[in-house]
Amino acid sequence: MVRRMILVGGLMFFLLAAGKVIGETSAIINLKSAVLILGGTVMTALLAFPMKTIKELVTNLRTLLQKNEADHNGIVRQIVNLARIGRMHGIKALEAEGKKLENPFLREGIELVVDGYDRFEIQNIMEKEYELHFSRKESQVNMLNTLAKIAPVLGFVGTIIGLIGVLSNMGEMGEIAKGMALALLTTFYGLLFSTFLFLPLAKRCSEENKAEASLLNIILEGIMDICEQKNSQAISYRLESYLGIGESEHENSLKTPVQRRDPALPILLKEAPVER
């Protein structure tokens, strides 16, 4: 919510400041300049990238601007809960709990454990899934970076068009003014869309990919530990090293949510030994 308020406030401030600068310019010329930049950028994207990548980018941006930051602590709590259920209640209970998971990678990992794959097979399968997933994400970031480079170029194209109009109508002062306005505004809009739209979105997607990669590494480590039926306490302490959670927070944030999710589970410090 705070991020959206800052974004809206910054956008309004920028529009007001820009309005002071181009307020004396004709609205038609403003529209022509903006359409030239946006239309040219969209056409370039359609020619340079597959439609599938464009659709995935639109969907990803819509989700990215709506969702909150990834809850790494919540994922760790889920993994600890799954490990405890698997050791104390068996594969059937683990399978039933895995179907309730919202994270697709964690749900897929639990399905692989339930199906009887060993840790090396699980690691190979999930790493390949990660590579394909981040390959698509990287294509989206490359697309935004490409559009950020193209927008200023289209602005200079508009400048040339405006100067051609000026040179073609040297005797009419009104046409000269319109041509110069078009020439300058297209450059302005090109730099505007590149600096305040495409580059920030590319950076946001890149940072989101880094955070997601960290989260998926945690999930992979947790899934392999569940596959080996390690003690949930050992799993929680190991995954905490990726998060830097203190011992006091571990006591409050890991144990309590597990008991709340499955009140039927006995409150035990020691789990049943694994049958060999």
Protein backbone atom coordinates (compact mmCIF):
# COMPACT_ATOMS: atom_id res chain seq x y z
CA MET A 1 0.00 0.00 0.00
CA VAL A 2 2.78 2.45 0.92
CA ARG A 3 4.64 1.62 -2.29
CA ARG A 4 1.54 2.31 -4.37
CA MET A 5 0.96 5.63 -2.61
CA ILE A 6 4.57 6.66 -3.27
CA LEU A 7 4.24 5.60 -6.91
CA VAL A 8 0.99 7.51 -7.43
CA GLY A 9 2.33 10.58 -5.61
CA GLY A 10 5.53 10.59 -7.64
CA LEU A 11 3.60 10.20 -10.88
CA MET A 12 1.26 13.09 -10.02
CA PHE A 13 4.20 15.31 -9.09
CA PHE A 14 5.97 14.50 -12.32
CA LEU A 15 2.86 15.15 -14.41
CA LEU A 16 2.36 18.50 -12.73
CA ALA A 17 5.99 19.45 -13.30
CA ALA A 18 5.83 18.31 -16.92
CA GLY A 19 2.59 20.22 -17.39
CA LYS A 20 4.34 23.43 -16.38
CA VAL A 21 7.00 22.83 -19.00
CA ILE A 22 4.80 21.81 -21.94
CA GLY A 23 1.65 23.59 -20.87
CA GLU A 24 1.85 26.10 -23.71
CA THR A 25 2.16 23.37 -26.32
CA SER A 26 -0.82 22.22 -28.33
CA ALA A 27 -2.58 19.12 -26.98
CA ILE A 28 -2.65 17.66 -30.49
CA ILE A 29 1.12 17.95 -30.79
CA ASN A 30 1.52 16.33 -27.36
CA LEU A 31 -0.72 13.46 -28.44
CA LYS A 32 1.15 13.00 -31.71
CA SER A 33 4.49 12.88 -29.94
CA ALA A 34 3.33 10.39 -27.30
CA VAL A 35 1.63 8.16 -29.89
CA LEU A 36 4.75 8.20 -32.05
CA ILE A 37 6.91 6.97 -29.18
CA LEU A 38 4.49 4.44 -27.70
CA GLY A 39 3.25 3.18 -31.06
CA GLY A 40 6.78 2.80 -32.40
CA THR A 41 7.90 1.02 -29.24
CA VAL A 42 4.99 -1.42 -29.38
CA MET A 43 5.62 -2.14 -33.05
CA THR A 44 9.29 -2.78 -32.31
CA ALA A 45 8.37 -5.17 -29.51
CA LEU A 46 5.99 -7.07 -31.78
CA LEU A 47 8.70 -7.44 -34.41
CA ALA A 48 11.57 -8.30 -32.06
CA PHE A 49 9.93 -10.66 -29.53
CA PRO A 50 7.52 -13.61 -29.71
CA MET A 51 3.93 -12.92 -28.75
CA LYS A 52 4.23 -15.48 -25.95
CA THR A 53 7.01 -13.45 -24.30
CA ILE A 54 4.96 -10.25 -24.59
CA LYS A 55 1.92 -11.88 -22.98
CA GLU A 56 4.03 -13.35 -20.19
CA LEU A 57 5.59 -9.94 -19.57
CA VAL A 58 2.20 -8.24 -19.31
CA THR A 59 0.94 -10.92 -16.93
CA ASN A 60 4.12 -10.77 -14.85
CA LEU A 61 4.00 -6.97 -14.56
CA ARG A 62 0.36 -7.05 -13.52
CA THR A 63 1.14 -9.60 -10.83
CA LEU A 64 4.33 -7.83 -9.79
CA LEU A 65 2.61 -4.49 -9.20
CA GLN A 66 -0.20 -6.08 -7.20
CA LYS A 67 1.54 -8.60 -4.93
CA ASN A 68 3.60 -7.98 -1.83
CA GLU A 69 7.17 -9.12 -1.29
CA ALA A 70 7.78 -12.86 -1.05
CA ASP A 71 7.38 -14.23 2.46
CA HIS A 72 10.57 -16.26 2.93
CA ASN A 73 9.77 -16.88 6.59
CA GLY A 74 6.37 -18.26 5.63
CA ILE A 75 7.95 -20.69 3.17
CA VAL A 76 10.37 -21.89 5.86
CA ARG A 77 7.47 -22.46 8.24
CA GLN A 78 5.64 -24.46 5.58
CA ILE A 79 8.70 -26.61 4.89
CA VAL A 80 9.19 -27.29 8.61
CA ASN A 81 5.52 -28.19 8.93
CA LEU A 82 5.72 -30.55 5.95
CA ALA A 83 8.83 -32.24 7.35
CA ARG A 84 7.09 -32.80 10.68
CA ILE A 85 3.97 -34.19 9.02
CA GLY A 86 6.01 -36.52 6.81
CA ARG A 87 7.92 -37.99 9.74
CA MET A 88 5.00 -38.28 12.14
CA HIS A 89 2.07 -39.13 9.85
CA GLY A 90 3.62 -40.65 6.75
CA ILE A 91 3.46 -40.17 2.98
CA LYS A 92 -0.34 -40.05 2.73
CA ALA A 93 -0.59 -37.14 5.14
CA LEU A 94 2.31 -35.39 3.38
CA GLU A 95 0.57 -35.82 0.02
CA ALA A 96 -2.68 -34.39 1.35
CA GLU A 97 -0.88 -31.41 2.87
CA GLY A 98 1.14 -30.83 -0.29
CA LYS A 99 -1.99 -30.41 -2.39
CA LYS A 100 -2.95 -27.38 -0.27
CA LEU A 101 0.25 -25.47 -1.04
CA GLU A 102 0.04 -22.29 -3.09
CA ASN A 103 3.67 -22.12 -4.19
CA PRO A 104 3.89 -24.24 -7.38
CA PHE A 105 7.56 -25.20 -6.93
CA LEU A 106 7.08 -26.32 -3.35
CA ARG A 107 3.97 -28.25 -4.37
CA GLU A 108 5.84 -29.92 -7.23
CA GLY A 109 8.73 -30.85 -4.93
CA ILE A 110 6.38 -32.50 -2.44
CA GLU A 111 4.77 -34.44 -5.30
CA LEU A 112 8.21 -35.73 -6.32
CA VAL A 113 8.91 -36.81 -2.73
CA VAL A 114 5.55 -38.57 -2.51
CA ASP A 115 6.19 -40.33 -5.83
CA GLY A 116 9.36 -41.88 -4.41
CA TYR A 117 12.13 -39.99 -6.24
CA ASP A 118 15.48 -39.82 -4.45
CA ARG A 119 17.19 -36.53 -3.64
CA PHE A 120 19.46 -36.54 -6.68
CA GLU A 121 16.57 -37.08 -9.08
CA ILE A 122 14.56 -34.37 -7.32
CA GLN A 123 17.50 -31.98 -7.55
CA ASN A 124 17.99 -32.61 -11.27
CA ILE A 125 14.29 -32.28 -12.10
CA MET A 126 13.75 -29.11 -10.09
CA GLU A 127 16.97 -27.45 -11.26
CA LYS A 128 15.85 -27.94 -14.86
CA GLU A 129 12.48 -26.43 -13.97
CA TYR A 130 14.27 -23.46 -12.40
CA GLU A 131 16.44 -22.96 -15.47
CA LEU A 132 13.42 -22.87 -17.79
CA HIS A 133 11.53 -20.59 -15.42
CA PHE A 134 14.33 -18.04 -15.10
CA SER A 135 15.11 -18.26 -18.80
CA ARG A 136 11.60 -16.95 -19.48
CA LYS A 137 11.99 -14.29 -16.79
CA GLU A 138 15.34 -13.19 -18.24
CA SER A 139 13.73 -12.81 -21.67
CA GLN A 140 11.20 -10.44 -20.14
CA VAL A 141 13.93 -8.33 -18.54
CA ASN A 142 15.83 -8.22 -21.85
CA MET A 143 12.66 -7.08 -23.56
CA LEU A 144 12.21 -4.15 -21.16
CA ASN A 145 15.87 -3.18 -21.51
CA THR A 146 15.53 -3.26 -25.29
CA LEU A 147 12.45 -1.03 -25.17
CA ALA A 148 14.32 1.37 -22.89
CA LYS A 149 16.99 1.71 -25.58
CA ILE A 150 14.52 2.01 -28.45
CA ALA A 151 12.33 4.75 -26.95
CA PRO A 152 15.02 7.50 -27.06
CA VAL A 153 15.95 6.44 -30.61
CA LEU A 154 12.34 6.90 -31.66
CA GLY A 155 12.45 10.27 -29.95
CA PHE A 156 15.32 11.31 -32.20
CA VAL A 157 13.36 9.99 -35.19
CA GLY A 158 10.52 12.29 -34.18
CA THR A 159 13.00 15.14 -33.89
CA ILE A 160 14.13 14.54 -37.47
CA ILE A 161 10.50 14.46 -38.62
CA GLY A 162 9.87 17.77 -36.86
CA LEU A 163 12.96 19.37 -38.39
CA ILE A 164 11.90 18.18 -41.84
CA GLY A 165 8.57 19.93 -41.27
CA VAL A 166 10.39 23.09 -40.20
CA LEU A 167 12.62 23.12 -43.28
CA SER A 168 9.63 22.44 -45.54
CA ASN A 169 7.73 25.48 -44.25
CA MET A 170 10.36 28.13 -43.63
CA GLY A 171 8.05 30.92 -44.71
CA GLU A 172 5.23 30.20 -42.23
CA MET A 173 6.01 31.00 -38.61
CA GLY A 174 3.10 28.93 -37.29
CA GLU A 175 4.28 25.80 -39.06
CA ILE A 176 7.84 26.42 -37.92
CA ALA A 177 6.67 26.57 -34.29
CA LYS A 178 4.65 23.36 -34.64
CA GLY A 179 7.55 21.56 -36.27
CA MET A 180 9.97 22.62 -33.55
CA ALA A 181 7.49 21.62 -30.84
CA LEU A 182 7.08 18.20 -32.40
CA ALA A 183 10.84 17.85 -32.77
CA LEU A 184 11.53 18.63 -29.12
CA LEU A 185 8.55 16.84 -27.59
CA THR A 186 9.28 13.50 -29.24
CA THR A 187 12.78 13.55 -27.79
CA PHE A 188 11.29 14.49 -24.42
CA TYR A 189 8.74 11.66 -24.51
CA GLY A 190 11.34 9.16 -25.67
CA LEU A 191 13.60 9.96 -22.73
CA LEU A 192 10.57 10.11 -20.42
CA PHE A 193 9.27 6.62 -21.26
CA SER A 194 12.77 5.15 -21.21
CA THR A 195 13.86 6.68 -17.89
CA PHE A 196 10.62 6.61 -15.92
CA LEU A 197 8.88 3.52 -17.33
CA PHE A 198 10.95 0.86 -19.07
CA LEU A 199 14.18 1.09 -17.06
CA PRO A 200 12.47 1.04 -13.63
CA LEU A 201 10.29 -1.89 -14.69
CA ALA A 202 13.34 -3.79 -15.96
CA LYS A 203 15.16 -3.15 -12.68
CA ARG A 204 12.11 -4.18 -10.66
CA CYS A 205 11.79 -7.44 -12.60
CA SER A 206 15.52 -8.12 -12.22
CA GLU A 207 15.40 -7.62 -8.44
CA GLU A 208 12.28 -9.77 -8.22
CA ASN A 209 14.10 -12.53 -10.09
CA LYS A 210 16.97 -12.39 -7.58
CA ALA A 211 14.56 -12.63 -4.65
CA GLU A 212 12.71 -15.50 -6.31
CA ALA A 213 15.97 -17.34 -7.00
CA SER A 214 16.85 -17.10 -3.31
CA LEU A 215 13.41 -18.40 -2.38
CA LEU A 216 13.64 -21.31 -4.80
CA ASN A 217 17.04 -22.30 -3.40
CA ILE A 218 15.48 -22.45 0.05
CA ILE A 219 12.64 -24.58 -1.31
CA LEU A 220 15.06 -26.95 -3.05
CA GLU A 221 17.14 -27.42 0.10
CA GLY A 222 14.00 -28.02 2.15
CA ILE A 223 12.57 -30.53 -0.32
CA MET A 224 15.76 -32.57 -0.35
CA ASP A 225 15.81 -32.61 3.46
CA ILE A 226 12.18 -33.75 3.52
CA CYS A 227 13.08 -36.48 1.03
CA GLU A 228 15.75 -37.74 3.42
CA GLN A 229 13.27 -37.48 6.32
CA LYS A 230 15.50 -35.25 8.38
CA ASN A 231 14.30 -33.89 11.69
CA SER A 232 12.19 -30.75 11.28
CA GLN A 233 14.22 -28.92 13.93
CA ALA A 234 17.42 -29.59 11.98
CA ILE A 235 15.73 -28.43 8.79
CA SER A 236 14.50 -25.22 10.40
CA TYR A 237 17.94 -24.33 11.79
CA ARG A 238 19.54 -25.06 8.45
CA LEU A 239 17.09 -22.93 6.47
CA GLU A 240 17.37 -20.15 9.04
CA SER A 241 20.98 -19.71 7.96
CA TYR A 242 19.65 -18.42 4.62
CA LEU A 243 17.38 -15.93 6.37
CA GLY A 244 19.36 -14.86 9.43
CA ILE A 245 16.47 -15.46 11.81
CA GLY A 246 17.32 -15.33 15.49
CA GLU A 247 16.62 -18.12 17.94
CA SER A 248 13.90 -16.17 19.71
CA GLU A 249 12.09 -15.53 16.47
CA HIS A 250 12.44 -19.21 15.64
CA GLU A 251 10.61 -20.18 18.81
CA ASN A 252 7.72 -17.80 18.13
CA SER A 253 7.36 -17.82 14.36
CA LEU A 254 8.11 -21.43 13.46
CA LYS A 255 6.53 -23.53 16.21
CA THR A 256 3.37 -21.57 16.81
CA PRO A 257 2.12 -21.43 13.17
CA VAL A 258 2.75 -25.19 12.82
CA GLN A 259 0.55 -25.91 15.81
CA ARG A 260 -2.08 -23.53 14.52
CA ARG A 261 -2.24 -25.12 11.07
CA ASP A 262 -2.57 -28.67 12.39
CA PRO A 263 -3.92 -28.63 15.96
CA ALA A 264 -4.13 -32.44 15.91
CA LEU A 265 -0.35 -32.70 15.91
CA PRO A 266 1.04 -33.39 19.40
CA ILE A 267 3.38 -30.80 20.81
CA LEU A 268 6.59 -32.79 20.90
CA LEU A 269 10.17 -31.71 21.00
CA LYS A 270 11.34 -35.08 19.72
CA GLU A 271 9.92 -36.82 16.70
CA ALA A 272 9.46 -40.51 16.11
CA PRO A 273 12.61 -42.21 14.80
CA VAL A 274 12.68 -43.13 11.14
CA GLU A 275 12.10 -46.79 10.46
CA ARG A 276 14.98 -48.41 8.66
